Amino acid sequence: MVGRAAIACALTAGFLAGCGSSSPSDMDKTKRMVREKFPGVSQMSTGDLAKWLADPSRPAPVLLDARTAKEFEVSRLAGAKNAPKGTTVEAAMGAAPKDAPVVVYCSVGYRSSQFAEKLQKAGYTKVWNLEGSIFQWANEGRPIVDARGPASLVHPYDAEWGKLLKPERRAQVPDAE
């Protein structure tokens, strides 16, 4: 059986510099890989989302976290709803109208782009993937929370993908799956 680390290396086609250490360019390469894999999904920068969330004149978007429950428990964006793999569009969106603005994120943007595609196919018209997702958000020092309030650590998914997180942001927890 192939391990998660080997899968991570294969998925990124060497983007993580031999799957050893990470650099800022590794995140850029990962974001480029996500954009190429999901060309029909609109990308939103972390800066643009932060401005949107800080603007009281704009209605807040629906924030969907496409990570596992284990990842979500460690930390998330304030107000986000967990929509892990297998979550239906109906369960994630509830009674939200098809033109509700939706921003989906995960660790780096791959799983969230998959869910964004699912939302688009279901007829949702204002859907974005958070480019760089929670890893980039946290690396930039933007606020995250857990069930108790403000948090500082993010679930790294696994040892390889976690290299895209700054060490001081990386929770020491078992792999996500």
C-alpha atoms as a PDB file:
ATOM      1  CA  MET A   1       0.000   0.000   0.000  1.00  0.00           C
ATOM      2  CA  VAL A   2       1.292   3.441  -0.917  1.00  0.00           C
ATOM      3  CA  GLY A   3       1.578   5.881   2.003  1.00  0.00           C
ATOM      4  CA  ARG A   4       0.045   9.360   2.157  1.00  0.00           C
ATOM      5  CA  ALA A   5       3.495  10.962   1.931  1.00  0.00           C
ATOM      6  CA  ALA A   6       4.184   9.176  -1.355  1.00  0.00           C
ATOM      7  CA  ILE A   7       0.779  10.228  -2.672  1.00  0.00           C
ATOM      8  CA  ALA A   8       1.448  13.836  -1.686  1.00  0.00           C
ATOM      9  CA  CYS A   9       4.760  13.762  -3.545  1.00  0.00           C
ATOM     10  CA  ALA A  10       3.142  12.197  -6.612  1.00  0.00           C
ATOM     11  CA  LEU A  11       0.228  14.662  -6.639  1.00  0.00           C
ATOM     12  CA  THR A  12       2.494  17.649  -6.559  1.00  0.00           C
ATOM     13  CA  ALA A  13       4.787  16.159  -9.209  1.00  0.00           C
ATOM     14  CA  GLY A  14       7.854  17.206  -7.286  1.00  0.00           C
ATOM     15  CA  PHE A  15       6.490  20.671  -6.459  1.00  0.00           C
ATOM     16  CA  LEU A  16       7.593  20.254  -2.866  1.00  0.00           C
ATOM     17  CA  ALA A  17      11.272  20.297  -3.820  1.00  0.00           C
ATOM     18  CA  GLY A  18      11.892  16.595  -3.391  1.00  0.00           C
ATOM     19  CA  CYS A  19       9.273  16.483  -0.639  1.00  0.00           C
ATOM     20  CA  GLY A  20      11.853  17.558   1.882  1.00  0.00           C
ATOM     21  CA  SER A  21      11.659  21.134   3.074  1.00  0.00           C
ATOM     22  CA  SER A  22       9.352  23.874   1.904  1.00  0.00           C
ATOM     23  CA  SER A  23       9.831  27.407   0.671  1.00  0.00           C
ATOM     24  CA  PRO A  24       7.415  30.196  -0.292  1.00  0.00           C
ATOM     25  CA  SER A  25       7.785  29.172  -3.926  1.00  0.00           C
ATOM     26  CA  ASP A  26       6.475  25.701  -3.026  1.00  0.00           C
ATOM     27  CA  MET A  27       3.136  27.280  -2.050  1.00  0.00           C
ATOM     28  CA  ASP A  28       3.133  29.217  -5.331  1.00  0.00           C
ATOM     29  CA  LYS A  29       3.766  25.988  -7.245  1.00  0.00           C
ATOM     30  CA  THR A  30       1.005  24.233  -5.324  1.00  0.00           C
ATOM     31  CA  LYS A  31      -1.458  27.052  -6.067  1.00  0.00           C
ATOM     32  CA  ARG A  32      -0.500  26.909  -9.749  1.00  0.00           C
ATOM     33  CA  MET A  33      -1.093  23.126  -9.762  1.00  0.00           C
ATOM     34  CA  VAL A  34      -4.556  23.655  -8.229  1.00  0.00           C
ATOM     35  CA  ARG A  35      -5.447  26.354 -10.799  1.00  0.00           C
ATOM     36  CA  GLU A  36      -4.342  24.066 -13.646  1.00  0.00           C
ATOM     37  CA  LYS A  37      -6.269  21.078 -12.281  1.00  0.00           C
ATOM     38  CA  PHE A  38      -9.446  23.136 -11.685  1.00  0.00           C
ATOM     39  CA  PRO A  39      -9.530  25.810 -14.430  1.00  0.00           C
ATOM     40  CA  GLY A  40     -13.284  26.379 -14.037  1.00  0.00           C
ATOM     41  CA  VAL A  41     -13.023  27.310 -10.358  1.00  0.00           C
ATOM     42  CA  SER A  42     -12.582  30.987  -9.503  1.00  0.00           C
ATOM     43  CA  GLN A  43      -9.793  31.693  -7.049  1.00  0.00           C
ATOM     44  CA  MET A  44      -9.939  34.296  -4.287  1.00  0.00           C
ATOM     45  CA  SER A  45      -6.796  35.575  -2.596  1.00  0.00           C
ATOM     46  CA  THR A  46      -6.492  35.516   1.166  1.00  0.00           C
ATOM     47  CA  GLY A  47      -6.105  39.302   1.115  1.00  0.00           C
ATOM     48  CA  ASP A  48      -9.345  39.754  -0.813  1.00  0.00           C
ATOM     49  CA  LEU A  49     -11.235  37.479   1.580  1.00  0.00           C
ATOM     50  CA  ALA A  50      -9.813  39.319   4.600  1.00  0.00           C
ATOM     51  CA  LYS A  51     -10.982  42.659   3.147  1.00  0.00           C
ATOM     52  CA  TRP A  52     -14.414  41.209   2.415  1.00  0.00           C
ATOM     53  CA  LEU A  53     -14.825  39.810   5.927  1.00  0.00           C
ATOM     54  CA  ALA A  54     -13.746  43.156   7.438  1.00  0.00           C
ATOM     55  CA  ASP A  55     -16.256  45.157   5.377  1.00  0.00           C
ATOM     56  CA  PRO A  56     -19.548  45.452   7.297  1.00  0.00           C
ATOM     57  CA  SER A  57     -21.275  46.852   4.202  1.00  0.00           C
ATOM     58  CA  ARG A  58     -20.884  43.518   2.355  1.00  0.00           C
ATOM     59  CA  PRO A  59     -22.891  40.426   3.247  1.00  0.00           C
ATOM     60  CA  ALA A  60     -20.561  37.731   4.569  1.00  0.00           C
ATOM     61  CA  PRO A  61     -19.964  34.768   2.279  1.00  0.00           C
ATOM     62  CA  VAL A  62     -20.828  31.245   3.269  1.00  0.00           C
ATOM     63  CA  LEU A  63     -17.487  29.802   4.409  1.00  0.00           C
ATOM     64  CA  LEU A  64     -17.089  26.064   3.836  1.00  0.00           C
ATOM     65  CA  ASP A  65     -14.127  24.123   5.211  1.00  0.00           C
ATOM     66  CA  ALA A  66     -13.586  21.036   3.052  1.00  0.00           C
ATOM     67  CA  ARG A  67     -11.106  19.414   5.458  1.00  0.00           C
ATOM     68  CA  THR A  68     -11.744  16.403   7.677  1.00  0.00           C
ATOM     69  CA  ALA A  69     -13.410  16.769  11.067  1.00  0.00           C
ATOM     70  CA  LYS A  70     -10.003  16.169  12.734  1.00  0.00           C
ATOM     71  CA  GLU A  71      -8.510  19.105  10.826  1.00  0.00           C
ATOM     72  CA  PHE A  72     -11.533  21.318  11.492  1.00  0.00           C
ATOM     73  CA  GLU A  73     -11.345  20.632  15.243  1.00  0.00           C
ATOM     74  CA  VAL A  74      -7.788  21.997  15.443  1.00  0.00           C
ATOM     75  CA  SER A  75      -8.689  25.328  13.826  1.00  0.00           C
ATOM     76  CA  ARG A  76     -10.703  27.014  11.116  1.00  0.00           C
ATOM     77  CA  LEU A  77     -11.759  30.396   9.802  1.00  0.00           C
ATOM     78  CA  ALA A  78     -14.309  32.041  12.083  1.00  0.00           C
ATOM     79  CA  GLY A  79     -17.853  31.218  11.011  1.00  0.00           C
ATOM     80  CA  ALA A  80     -16.863  28.346   8.718  1.00  0.00           C
ATOM     81  CA  LYS A  81     -18.986  25.234   8.408  1.00  0.00           C
ATOM     82  CA  ASN A  82     -17.266  21.866   8.039  1.00  0.00           C
ATOM     83  CA  ALA A  83     -18.020  20.108   4.740  1.00  0.00           C
ATOM     84  CA  PRO A  84     -15.638  17.143   4.587  1.00  0.00           C
ATOM     85  CA  LYS A  85     -15.446  14.641   1.747  1.00  0.00           C
ATOM     86  CA  GLY A  86     -18.816  12.985   1.274  1.00  0.00           C
ATOM     87  CA  THR A  87     -20.825  16.026   2.373  1.00  0.00           C
ATOM     88  CA  THR A  88     -23.691  16.716   0.004  1.00  0.00           C
ATOM     89  CA  VAL A  89     -24.251  20.150  -1.465  1.00  0.00           C
ATOM     90  CA  GLU A  90     -27.631  20.228   0.259  1.00  0.00           C
ATOM     91  CA  ALA A  91     -26.095  19.500   3.665  1.00  0.00           C
ATOM     92  CA  ALA A  92     -23.380  22.114   3.162  1.00  0.00           C
ATOM     93  CA  MET A  93     -25.596  24.876   1.829  1.00  0.00           C
ATOM     94  CA  GLY A  94     -28.883  24.264   3.640  1.00  0.00           C
ATOM     95  CA  ALA A  95     -31.436  26.845   2.511  1.00  0.00           C
ATOM     96  CA  ALA A  96     -28.862  29.259   1.041  1.00  0.00           C
ATOM     97  CA  PRO A  97     -29.950  30.562  -2.370  1.00  0.00           C
ATOM     98  CA  LYS A  98     -28.063  29.530  -5.505  1.00  0.00           C
ATOM     99  CA  ASP A  99     -26.671  33.073  -5.832  1.00  0.00           C
ATOM    100  CA  ALA A 100     -25.284  33.168  -2.263  1.00  0.00           C
ATOM    101  CA  PRO A 101     -21.552  33.968  -2.245  1.00  0.00           C
ATOM    102  CA  VAL A 102     -19.556  30.909  -1.149  1.00  0.00           C
ATOM    103  CA  VAL A 103     -15.847  30.630  -0.348  1.00  0.00           C
ATOM    104  CA  VAL A 104     -14.510  27.106   0.102  1.00  0.00           C
ATOM    105  CA  TYR A 105     -11.132  26.275   1.614  1.00  0.00           C
ATOM    106  CA  CYS A 106      -9.113  23.286   2.777  1.00  0.00           C
ATOM    107  CA  SER A 107      -5.387  22.961   3.538  1.00  0.00           C
ATOM    108  CA  VAL A 108      -3.940  24.213   0.236  1.00  0.00           C
ATOM    109  CA  GLY A 109      -6.921  24.393  -2.143  1.00  0.00           C
ATOM    110  CA  TYR A 110      -7.203  20.992  -3.805  1.00  0.00           C
ATOM    111  CA  ARG A 111     -10.102  19.469  -1.835  1.00  0.00           C
ATOM    112  CA  SER A 112     -11.862  22.826  -1.682  1.00  0.00           C
ATOM    113  CA  SER A 113     -11.593  23.240  -5.450  1.00  0.00           C
ATOM    114  CA  GLN A 114     -13.187  19.800  -5.827  1.00  0.00           C
ATOM    115  CA  PHE A 115     -16.071  20.907  -3.606  1.00  0.00           C
ATOM    116  CA  ALA A 116     -16.326  24.255  -5.418  1.00  0.00           C
ATOM    117  CA  GLU A 117     -16.775  22.338  -8.695  1.00  0.00           C
ATOM    118  CA  LYS A 118     -19.505  20.281  -7.024  1.00  0.00           C
ATOM    119  CA  LEU A 119     -21.281  23.485  -5.944  1.00  0.00           C
ATOM    120  CA  GLN A 120     -21.031  24.931  -9.460  1.00  0.00           C
ATOM    121  CA  LYS A 121     -22.474  21.761 -10.985  1.00  0.00           C
ATOM    122  CA  ALA A 122     -25.367  22.061  -8.512  1.00  0.00           C
ATOM    123  CA  GLY A 123     -26.108  25.551  -9.836  1.00  0.00           C
ATOM    124  CA  TYR A 124     -24.368  27.833  -7.325  1.00  0.00           C
ATOM    125  CA  THR A 125     -23.164  30.879  -9.240  1.00  0.00           C
ATOM    126  CA  LYS A 126     -20.895  32.798  -6.831  1.00  0.00           C
ATOM    127  CA  VAL A 127     -18.330  30.229  -5.727  1.00  0.00           C
ATOM    128  CA  TRP A 128     -14.642  30.747  -5.015  1.00  0.00           C
ATOM    129  CA  ASN A 129     -11.803  28.601  -3.792  1.00  0.00           C
ATOM    130  CA  LEU A 130      -9.603  30.341  -1.211  1.00  0.00           C
ATOM    131  CA  GLU A 131      -6.262  30.227  -2.991  1.00  0.00           C
ATOM    132  CA  GLY A 132      -3.599  28.781  -0.706  1.00  0.00           C
ATOM    133  CA  SER A 133      -6.459  28.006   1.696  1.00  0.00           C
ATOM    134  CA  ILE A 134      -5.968  27.865   5.462  1.00  0.00           C
ATOM    135  CA  PHE A 135      -2.223  27.176   5.181  1.00  0.00           C
ATOM    136  CA  GLN A 136      -1.606  30.485   3.416  1.00  0.00           C
ATOM    137  CA  TRP A 137      -4.169  32.296   5.609  1.00  0.00           C
ATOM    138  CA  ALA A 138      -2.420  31.121   8.796  1.00  0.00           C
ATOM    139  CA  ASN A 139       1.098  31.656   7.409  1.00  0.00           C
ATOM    140  CA  GLU A 140       0.135  35.299   6.809  1.00  0.00           C
ATOM    141  CA  GLY A 141      -0.887  35.620  10.467  1.00  0.00           C
ATOM    142  CA  ARG A 142      -4.592  35.979   9.748  1.00  0.00           C
ATOM    143  CA  PRO A 143      -7.043  34.968  12.487  1.00  0.00           C
ATOM    144  CA  ILE A 144      -8.155  31.393  13.002  1.00  0.00           C
ATOM    145  CA  VAL A 145     -10.320  29.896  15.722  1.00  0.00           C
ATOM    146  CA  ASP A 146     -11.161  26.617  17.392  1.00  0.00           C
ATOM    147  CA  ALA A 147     -14.174  25.660  19.525  1.00  0.00           C
ATOM    148  CA  ARG A 148     -12.817  27.712  22.460  1.00  0.00           C
ATOM    149  CA  GLY A 149     -11.927  30.905  20.560  1.00  0.00           C
ATOM    150  CA  PRO A 150      -8.767  32.299  18.941  1.00  0.00           C
ATOM    151  CA  ALA A 151      -6.240  29.660  17.862  1.00  0.00           C
ATOM    152  CA  SER A 152      -2.714  29.725  16.480  1.00  0.00           C
ATOM    153  CA  LEU A 153      -2.105  26.216  15.126  1.00  0.00           C
ATOM    154  CA  VAL A 154      -3.359  24.476  11.988  1.00  0.00           C
ATOM    155  CA  HIS A 155      -3.667  20.746  11.353  1.00  0.00           C
ATOM    156  CA  PRO A 156      -0.894  19.933   8.839  1.00  0.00           C
ATOM    157  CA  TYR A 157      -2.901  17.158   7.102  1.00  0.00           C
ATOM    158  CA  ASP A 158       0.253  15.001   7.164  1.00  0.00           C
ATOM    159  CA  ALA A 159       4.023  15.429   7.512  1.00  0.00           C
ATOM    160  CA  GLU A 160       4.629  16.217   3.833  1.00  0.00           C
ATOM    161  CA  TRP A 161       1.814  18.702   3.211  1.00  0.00           C
ATOM    162  CA  GLY A 162       2.485  20.261   6.613  1.00  0.00           C
ATOM    163  CA  LYS A 163       5.806  21.515   5.278  1.00  0.00           C
ATOM    164  CA  LEU A 164       3.809  24.238   3.527  1.00  0.00           C
ATOM    165  CA  LEU A 165       2.890  25.592   6.974  1.00  0.00           C
ATOM    166  CA  LYS A 166       5.306  27.716   8.969  1.00  0.00           C
ATOM    167  CA  PRO A 167       6.675  25.512  11.790  1.00  0.00           C
ATOM    168  CA  GLU A 168       5.199  27.796  14.458  1.00  0.00           C
ATOM    169  CA  ARG A 169       1.731  27.288  12.900  1.00  0.00           C
ATOM    170  CA  ARG A 170       1.956  23.479  12.536  1.00  0.00           C
ATOM    171  CA  ALA A 171      -0.020  21.484  15.123  1.00  0.00           C
ATOM    172  CA  GLN A 172       1.630  18.306  16.376  1.00  0.00           C
ATOM    173  CA  VAL A 173      -1.232  15.906  15.729  1.00  0.00           C
ATOM    174  CA  PRO A 174      -1.836  12.585  13.953  1.00  0.00           C
ATOM    175  CA  ASP A 175      -2.422  12.629  10.203  1.00  0.00           C
ATOM    176  CA  ALA A 176      -5.883  13.712   9.059  1.00  0.00           C
ATOM    177  CA  GLU A 177      -6.951  10.353   7.652  1.00  0.00           C
END
